[in-house]
PDB file of all heavy atoms in Angstrom:
ATOM      1  N   TYR A   1       4.250 -47.341 -26.479  1.00  0.00           N
ATOM      2  CA  TYR A   1       4.466 -48.401 -25.594  1.00  0.00           C
ATOM      3  C   TYR A   1       4.065 -48.063 -24.144  1.00  0.00           C
ATOM      4  O   TYR A   1       3.338 -48.980 -23.514  1.00  0.00           O
ATOM      5  CB  TYR A   1       6.058 -48.731 -25.526  1.00  0.00           C
ATOM      6  CG  TYR A   1       6.416 -49.771 -24.520  1.00  0.00           C
ATOM      7  CD1 TYR A   1       6.261 -51.117 -24.750  1.00  0.00           C
ATOM      8  CD2 TYR A   1       6.985 -49.331 -23.306  1.00  0.00           C
ATOM      9  CE1 TYR A   1       6.485 -51.970 -23.749  1.00  0.00           C
ATOM     10  CE2 TYR A   1       7.299 -50.261 -22.255  1.00  0.00           C
ATOM     11  CZ  TYR A   1       7.036 -51.567 -22.543  1.00  0.00           C
ATOM     12  OH  TYR A   1       7.399 -52.510 -21.580  1.00  0.00           O
ATOM     13  N   GLN A   2       4.335 -46.931 -23.702  1.00  0.00           N
ATOM     14  CA  GLN A   2       3.954 -46.510 -22.290  1.00  0.00           C
ATOM     15  C   GLN A   2       2.371 -46.517 -22.168  1.00  0.00           C
ATOM     16  O   GLN A   2       1.833 -46.895 -21.188  1.00  0.00           O
ATOM     17  CB  GLN A   2       4.534 -45.195 -21.932  1.00  0.00           C
ATOM     18  CG  GLN A   2       5.975 -45.343 -21.625  1.00  0.00           C
ATOM     19  CD  GLN A   2       6.663 -43.956 -21.346  1.00  0.00           C
ATOM     20  OE1 GLN A   2       6.127 -42.941 -21.803  1.00  0.00           O
ATOM     21  NE2 GLN A   2       7.820 -43.976 -20.770  1.00  0.00           N
ATOM     22  N   GLY A   3       1.780 -45.970 -23.317  1.00  0.00           N
ATOM     23  CA  GLY A   3       0.273 -45.910 -23.235  1.00  0.00           C
ATOM     24  C   GLY A   3      -0.344 -47.257 -23.242  1.00  0.00           C
ATOM     25  O   GLY A   3      -1.222 -47.547 -22.464  1.00  0.00           O
ATOM     26  N   ILE A   4       0.153 -48.066 -24.028  1.00  0.00           N
ATOM     27  CA  ILE A   4      -0.302 -49.496 -24.071  1.00  0.00           C
ATOM     28  C   ILE A   4      -0.079 -50.172 -22.707  1.00  0.00           C
ATOM     29  O   ILE A   4      -0.960 -50.920 -22.161  1.00  0.00           O
ATOM     30  CB  ILE A   4       0.190 -50.428 -25.224  1.00  0.00           C
ATOM     31  CG1 ILE A   4      -0.125 -49.752 -26.594  1.00  0.00           C
ATOM     32  CG2 ILE A   4      -0.169 -51.774 -25.175  1.00  0.00           C
ATOM     33  CD1 ILE A   4      -1.615 -49.834 -26.969  1.00  0.00           C
ATOM     34  N   LEU A   5       1.092 -50.034 -22.139  1.00  0.00           N
ATOM     35  CA  LEU A   5       1.366 -50.569 -20.830  1.00  0.00           C
ATOM     36  C   LEU A   5       0.429 -50.081 -19.788  1.00  0.00           C
ATOM     37  O   LEU A   5       0.035 -50.842 -18.953  1.00  0.00           O
ATOM     38  CB  LEU A   5       2.879 -50.250 -20.513  1.00  0.00           C
ATOM     39  CG  LEU A   5       3.326 -50.836 -19.216  1.00  0.00           C
ATOM     40  CD1 LEU A   5       3.363 -52.383 -19.302  1.00  0.00           C
ATOM     41  CD2 LEU A   5       4.766 -50.344 -18.901  1.00  0.00           C
ATOM     42  N   ARG A   6       0.134 -48.740 -19.776  1.00  0.00           N
ATOM     43  CA  ARG A   6      -0.782 -48.182 -18.723  1.00  0.00           C
ATOM     44  C   ARG A   6      -2.134 -48.778 -18.994  1.00  0.00           C
ATOM     45  O   ARG A   6      -2.764 -49.025 -18.001  1.00  0.00           O
ATOM     46  CB  ARG A   6      -0.815 -46.696 -18.817  1.00  0.00           C
ATOM     47  CG  ARG A   6       0.466 -45.950 -18.588  1.00  0.00           C
ATOM     48  CD  ARG A   6       1.020 -46.137 -17.207  1.00  0.00           C
ATOM     49  NE  ARG A   6       2.189 -45.353 -16.964  1.00  0.00           N
ATOM     50  CZ  ARG A   6       3.386 -45.685 -17.286  1.00  0.00           C
ATOM     51  NH1 ARG A   6       3.692 -46.658 -18.066  1.00  0.00           N
ATOM     52  NH2 ARG A   6       4.457 -44.918 -16.979  1.00  0.00           N
ATOM     53  N   LEU A   7      -2.606 -48.983 -20.192  1.00  0.00           N
ATOM     54  CA  LEU A   7      -3.819 -49.548 -20.428  1.00  0.00           C
ATOM     55  C   LEU A   7      -3.967 -50.971 -19.841  1.00  0.00           C
ATOM     56  O   LEU A   7      -4.962 -51.385 -19.365  1.00  0.00           O
ATOM     57  CB  LEU A   7      -4.244 -49.501 -21.932  1.00  0.00           C
ATOM     58  CG  LEU A   7      -4.491 -48.116 -22.506  1.00  0.00           C
ATOM     59  CD1 LEU A   7      -4.764 -48.262 -23.986  1.00  0.00           C
ATOM     60  CD2 LEU A   7      -5.726 -47.526 -21.802  1.00  0.00           C
ATOM     61  N   ILE A   8      -3.007 -51.718 -20.148  1.00  0.00           N
ATOM     62  CA  ILE A   8      -2.819 -53.136 -19.586  1.00  0.00           C
ATOM     63  C   ILE A   8      -2.811 -53.237 -18.135  1.00  0.00           C
ATOM     64  O   ILE A   8      -3.467 -54.047 -17.492  1.00  0.00           O
ATOM     65  CB  ILE A   8      -1.590 -53.860 -20.255  1.00  0.00           C
ATOM     66  CG1 ILE A   8      -1.791 -54.082 -21.704  1.00  0.00           C
ATOM     67  CG2 ILE A   8      -1.366 -55.188 -19.583  1.00  0.00           C
ATOM     68  CD1 ILE A   8      -0.580 -54.576 -22.405  1.00  0.00           C
ATOM     69  N   GLU A   9      -2.167 -52.192 -17.497  1.00  0.00           N
ATOM     70  CA  GLU A   9      -2.060 -52.122 -16.061  1.00  0.00           C
ATOM     71  C   GLU A   9      -3.311 -51.737 -15.464  1.00  0.00           C
ATOM     72  O   GLU A   9      -3.531 -51.745 -14.245  1.00  0.00           O
ATOM     73  CB  GLU A   9      -0.977 -51.204 -15.572  1.00  0.00           C
ATOM     74  CG  GLU A   9       0.457 -51.815 -15.954  1.00  0.00           C
ATOM     75  CD  GLU A   9       1.557 -50.751 -15.635  1.00  0.00           C
ATOM     76  OE1 GLU A   9       1.234 -49.520 -15.468  1.00  0.00           O
ATOM     77  OE2 GLU A   9       2.651 -51.120 -15.503  1.00  0.00           O
ATOM     78  N   GLY A  10      -4.294 -51.228 -16.253  1.00  0.00           N
ATOM     79  CA  GLY A  10      -5.571 -50.780 -15.687  1.00  0.00           C
ATOM     80  C   GLY A  10      -5.714 -49.337 -15.516  1.00  0.00           C
ATOM     81  O   GLY A  10      -6.676 -48.773 -14.942  1.00  0.00           O
ATOM     82  N   ASN A  11      -4.713 -48.481 -15.883  1.00  0.00           N
ATOM     83  CA  ASN A  11      -4.753 -47.055 -15.754  1.00  0.00           C
ATOM     84  C   ASN A  11      -5.161 -46.451 -17.115  1.00  0.00           C
ATOM     85  O   ASN A  11      -4.380 -45.978 -17.914  1.00  0.00           O
ATOM     86  CB  ASN A  11      -3.329 -46.525 -15.315  1.00  0.00           C
ATOM     87  CG  ASN A  11      -3.427 -45.131 -14.915  1.00  0.00           C
ATOM     88  OD1 ASN A  11      -4.260 -44.389 -15.130  1.00  0.00           O
ATOM     89  ND2 ASN A  11      -2.242 -44.684 -14.296  1.00  0.00           N
ATOM     90  N   GLN A  12      -6.470 -46.472 -17.240  1.00  0.00           N
ATOM     91  CA  GLN A  12      -7.013 -46.049 -18.583  1.00  0.00           C
ATOM     92  C   GLN A  12      -6.849 -44.587 -18.917  1.00  0.00           C
ATOM     93  O   GLN A  12      -6.545 -44.228 -20.031  1.00  0.00           O
ATOM     94  CB  GLN A  12      -8.527 -46.339 -18.644  1.00  0.00           C
ATOM     95  CG  GLN A  12      -8.842 -47.774 -19.143  1.00  0.00           C
ATOM     96  CD  GLN A  12      -8.553 -48.765 -18.097  1.00  0.00           C
ATOM     97  OE1 GLN A  12      -8.591 -48.569 -16.932  1.00  0.00           O
ATOM     98  NE2 GLN A  12      -8.433 -50.052 -18.564  1.00  0.00           N
ATOM     99  N   ALA A  13      -6.980 -43.699 -17.916  1.00  0.00           N
ATOM    100  CA  ALA A  13      -6.845 -42.349 -18.095  1.00  0.00           C
ATOM    101  C   ALA A  13      -5.422 -41.926 -18.558  1.00  0.00           C
ATOM    102  O   ALA A  13      -5.245 -41.214 -19.525  1.00  0.00           O
ATOM    103  CB  ALA A  13      -7.229 -41.498 -16.834  1.00  0.00           C
ATOM    104  N   GLU A  14      -4.375 -42.385 -17.874  1.00  0.00           N
ATOM    105  CA  GLU A  14      -3.009 -42.119 -18.204  1.00  0.00           C
ATOM    106  C   GLU A  14      -2.614 -42.704 -19.591  1.00  0.00           C
ATOM    107  O   GLU A  14      -1.960 -42.159 -20.405  1.00  0.00           O
ATOM    108  CB  GLU A  14      -2.058 -42.549 -17.142  1.00  0.00           C
ATOM    109  CG  GLU A  14      -0.642 -42.082 -17.342  1.00  0.00           C
ATOM    110  CD  GLU A  14       0.269 -42.412 -16.206  1.00  0.00           C
ATOM    111  OE1 GLU A  14      -0.244 -42.970 -15.207  1.00  0.00           O
ATOM    112  OE2 GLU A  14       1.466 -42.233 -16.371  1.00  0.00           O
ATOM    113  N   GLY A  15      -3.096 -43.992 -19.744  1.00  0.00           N
ATOM    114  CA  GLY A  15      -2.738 -44.772 -20.939  1.00  0.00           C
ATOM    115  C   GLY A  15      -3.479 -44.019 -22.222  1.00  0.00           C
ATOM    116  O   GLY A  15      -2.741 -43.893 -23.203  1.00  0.00           O
ATOM    117  N   THR A  16      -4.638 -43.582 -22.064  1.00  0.00           N
ATOM    118  CA  THR A  16      -5.355 -42.845 -23.161  1.00  0.00           C
ATOM    119  C   THR A  16      -4.629 -41.551 -23.500  1.00  0.00           C
ATOM    120  O   THR A  16      -4.515 -41.184 -24.627  1.00  0.00           O
ATOM    121  CB  THR A  16      -6.805 -42.748 -22.775  1.00  0.00           C
ATOM    122  OG1 THR A  16      -7.411 -43.921 -22.534  1.00  0.00           O
ATOM    123  CG2 THR A  16      -7.549 -41.987 -24.016  1.00  0.00           C
ATOM    124  N   ALA A  17      -4.210 -40.891 -22.398  1.00  0.00           N
ATOM    125  CA  ALA A  17      -3.554 -39.618 -22.614  1.00  0.00           C
ATOM    126  C   ALA A  17      -2.252 -39.792 -23.364  1.00  0.00           C
ATOM    127  O   ALA A  17      -1.891 -39.009 -24.241  1.00  0.00           O
ATOM    128  CB  ALA A  17      -3.312 -38.954 -21.297  1.00  0.00           C
ATOM    129  N   LEU A  18      -1.497 -40.767 -22.924  1.00  0.00           N
ATOM    130  CA  LEU A  18      -0.203 -41.045 -23.623  1.00  0.00           C
ATOM    131  C   LEU A  18      -0.446 -41.484 -25.114  1.00  0.00           C
ATOM    132  O   LEU A  18       0.349 -40.944 -25.901  1.00  0.00           O
ATOM    133  CB  LEU A  18       0.548 -42.076 -22.933  1.00  0.00           C
ATOM    134  CG  LEU A  18       1.152 -41.678 -21.574  1.00  0.00           C
ATOM    135  CD1 LEU A  18       1.745 -42.941 -20.785  1.00  0.00           C
ATOM    136  CD2 LEU A  18       2.447 -40.755 -21.925  1.00  0.00           C
ATOM    137  N   LEU A  19      -1.457 -42.244 -25.370  1.00  0.00           N
ATOM    138  CA  LEU A  19      -1.718 -42.759 -26.720  1.00  0.00           C
ATOM    139  C   LEU A  19      -2.144 -41.479 -27.667  1.00  0.00           C
ATOM    140  O   LEU A  19      -1.750 -41.353 -28.797  1.00  0.00           O
ATOM    141  CB  LEU A  19      -2.684 -43.815 -26.808  1.00  0.00           C
ATOM    142  CG  LEU A  19      -2.203 -45.154 -26.275  1.00  0.00           C
ATOM    143  CD1 LEU A  19      -3.333 -46.170 -26.214  1.00  0.00           C
ATOM    144  CD2 LEU A  19      -1.041 -45.669 -27.232  1.00  0.00           C
ATOM    145  N   PHE A  20      -2.997 -40.602 -27.077  1.00  0.00           N
ATOM    146  CA  PHE A  20      -3.415 -39.491 -27.826  1.00  0.00           C
ATOM    147  C   PHE A  20      -2.247 -38.550 -28.011  1.00  0.00           C
ATOM    148  O   PHE A  20      -2.076 -37.923 -29.154  1.00  0.00           O
ATOM    149  CB  PHE A  20      -4.502 -38.662 -27.086  1.00  0.00           C
ATOM    150  CG  PHE A  20      -5.937 -39.154 -27.472  1.00  0.00           C
ATOM    151  CD1 PHE A  20      -6.685 -39.851 -26.574  1.00  0.00           C
ATOM    152  CD2 PHE A  20      -6.346 -38.971 -28.722  1.00  0.00           C
ATOM    153  CE1 PHE A  20      -7.911 -40.249 -26.892  1.00  0.00           C
ATOM    154  CE2 PHE A  20      -7.633 -39.455 -29.102  1.00  0.00           C
ATOM    155  CZ  PHE A  20      -8.398 -40.144 -28.200  1.00  0.00           C
ATOM    156  N   GLU A  21      -1.278 -38.441 -27.078  1.00  0.00           N
ATOM    157  CA  GLU A  21      -0.143 -37.595 -27.241  1.00  0.00           C
ATOM    158  C   GLU A  21       0.741 -38.115 -28.401  1.00  0.00           C
ATOM    159  O   GLU A  21       1.268 -37.435 -29.229  1.00  0.00           O
ATOM    160  CB  GLU A  21       0.676 -37.434 -25.975  1.00  0.00           C
ATOM    161  CG  GLU A  21       1.842 -36.489 -26.083  1.00  0.00           C
ATOM    162  CD  GLU A  21       2.613 -36.332 -24.759  1.00  0.00           C
ATOM    163  OE1 GLU A  21       2.297 -36.956 -23.782  1.00  0.00           O
ATOM    164  OE2 GLU A  21       3.604 -35.554 -24.772  1.00  0.00           O
ATOM    165  N   ALA A  22       0.878 -39.461 -28.446  1.00  0.00           N
ATOM    166  CA  ALA A  22       1.626 -40.171 -29.435  1.00  0.00           C
ATOM    167  C   ALA A  22       0.945 -39.826 -30.848  1.00  0.00           C
ATOM    168  O   ALA A  22       1.705 -39.610 -31.849  1.00  0.00           O
ATOM    169  CB  ALA A  22       1.712 -41.602 -29.237  1.00  0.00           C
ATOM    170  N   ILE A  23      -0.331 -39.892 -30.928  1.00  0.00           N
ATOM    171  CA  ILE A  23      -0.982 -39.557 -32.172  1.00  0.00           C
ATOM    172  C   ILE A  23      -0.795 -38.218 -32.567  1.00  0.00           C
ATOM    173  O   ILE A  23      -0.603 -37.948 -33.832  1.00  0.00           O
ATOM    174  CB  ILE A  23      -2.509 -39.930 -32.025  1.00  0.00           C
ATOM    175  CG1 ILE A  23      -2.739 -41.453 -31.879  1.00  0.00           C
ATOM    176  CG2 ILE A  23      -3.374 -39.354 -33.134  1.00  0.00           C
ATOM    177  CD1 ILE A  23      -4.177 -41.862 -31.463  1.00  0.00           C
ATOM    178  N   PHE A  24      -0.853 -37.296 -31.662  1.00  0.00           N
ATOM    179  CA  PHE A  24      -0.663 -35.824 -32.017  1.00  0.00           C
ATOM    180  C   PHE A  24       0.732 -35.634 -32.419  1.00  0.00           C
ATOM    181  O   PHE A  24       1.012 -34.812 -33.335  1.00  0.00           O
ATOM    182  CB  PHE A  24      -1.049 -34.896 -30.758  1.00  0.00           C
ATOM    183  CG  PHE A  24      -2.489 -34.928 -30.499  1.00  0.00           C
ATOM    184  CD1 PHE A  24      -2.916 -34.866 -29.130  1.00  0.00           C
ATOM    185  CD2 PHE A  24      -3.393 -34.935 -31.419  1.00  0.00           C
ATOM    186  CE1 PHE A  24      -4.358 -34.819 -28.866  1.00  0.00           C
ATOM    187  CE2 PHE A  24      -4.744 -34.884 -31.234  1.00  0.00           C
ATOM    188  CZ  PHE A  24      -5.281 -34.912 -29.938  1.00  0.00           C
ATOM    189  N   ILE A  25       1.741 -36.285 -31.869  1.00  0.00           N
ATOM    190  CA  ILE A  25       3.194 -36.129 -32.306  1.00  0.00           C
ATOM    191  C   ILE A  25       3.210 -36.676 -33.716  1.00  0.00           C
ATOM    192  O   ILE A  25       3.996 -35.951 -34.533  1.00  0.00           O
ATOM    193  CB  ILE A  25       4.111 -36.898 -31.315  1.00  0.00           C
ATOM    194  CG1 ILE A  25       4.124 -36.104 -29.984  1.00  0.00           C
ATOM    195  CG2 ILE A  25       5.425 -36.957 -31.932  1.00  0.00           C
ATOM    196  CD1 ILE A  25       4.794 -36.952 -28.923  1.00  0.00           C
ATOM    197  N   ALA A  26       2.686 -37.735 -34.036  1.00  0.00           N
ATOM    198  CA  ALA A  26       2.789 -38.367 -35.328  1.00  0.00           C
ATOM    199  C   ALA A  26       2.073 -37.402 -36.385  1.00  0.00           C
ATOM    200  O   ALA A  26       2.580 -37.155 -37.537  1.00  0.00           O
ATOM    201  CB  ALA A  26       2.100 -39.711 -35.416  1.00  0.00           C
TER     202      ALA A  26
END
């Protein structure tokens, strides 16, 4: 959720990092 929210807000670097972390956790 936080990763998608950061992407929508325009913060691609932080959003991508959060989404990759979520993928690694899964």
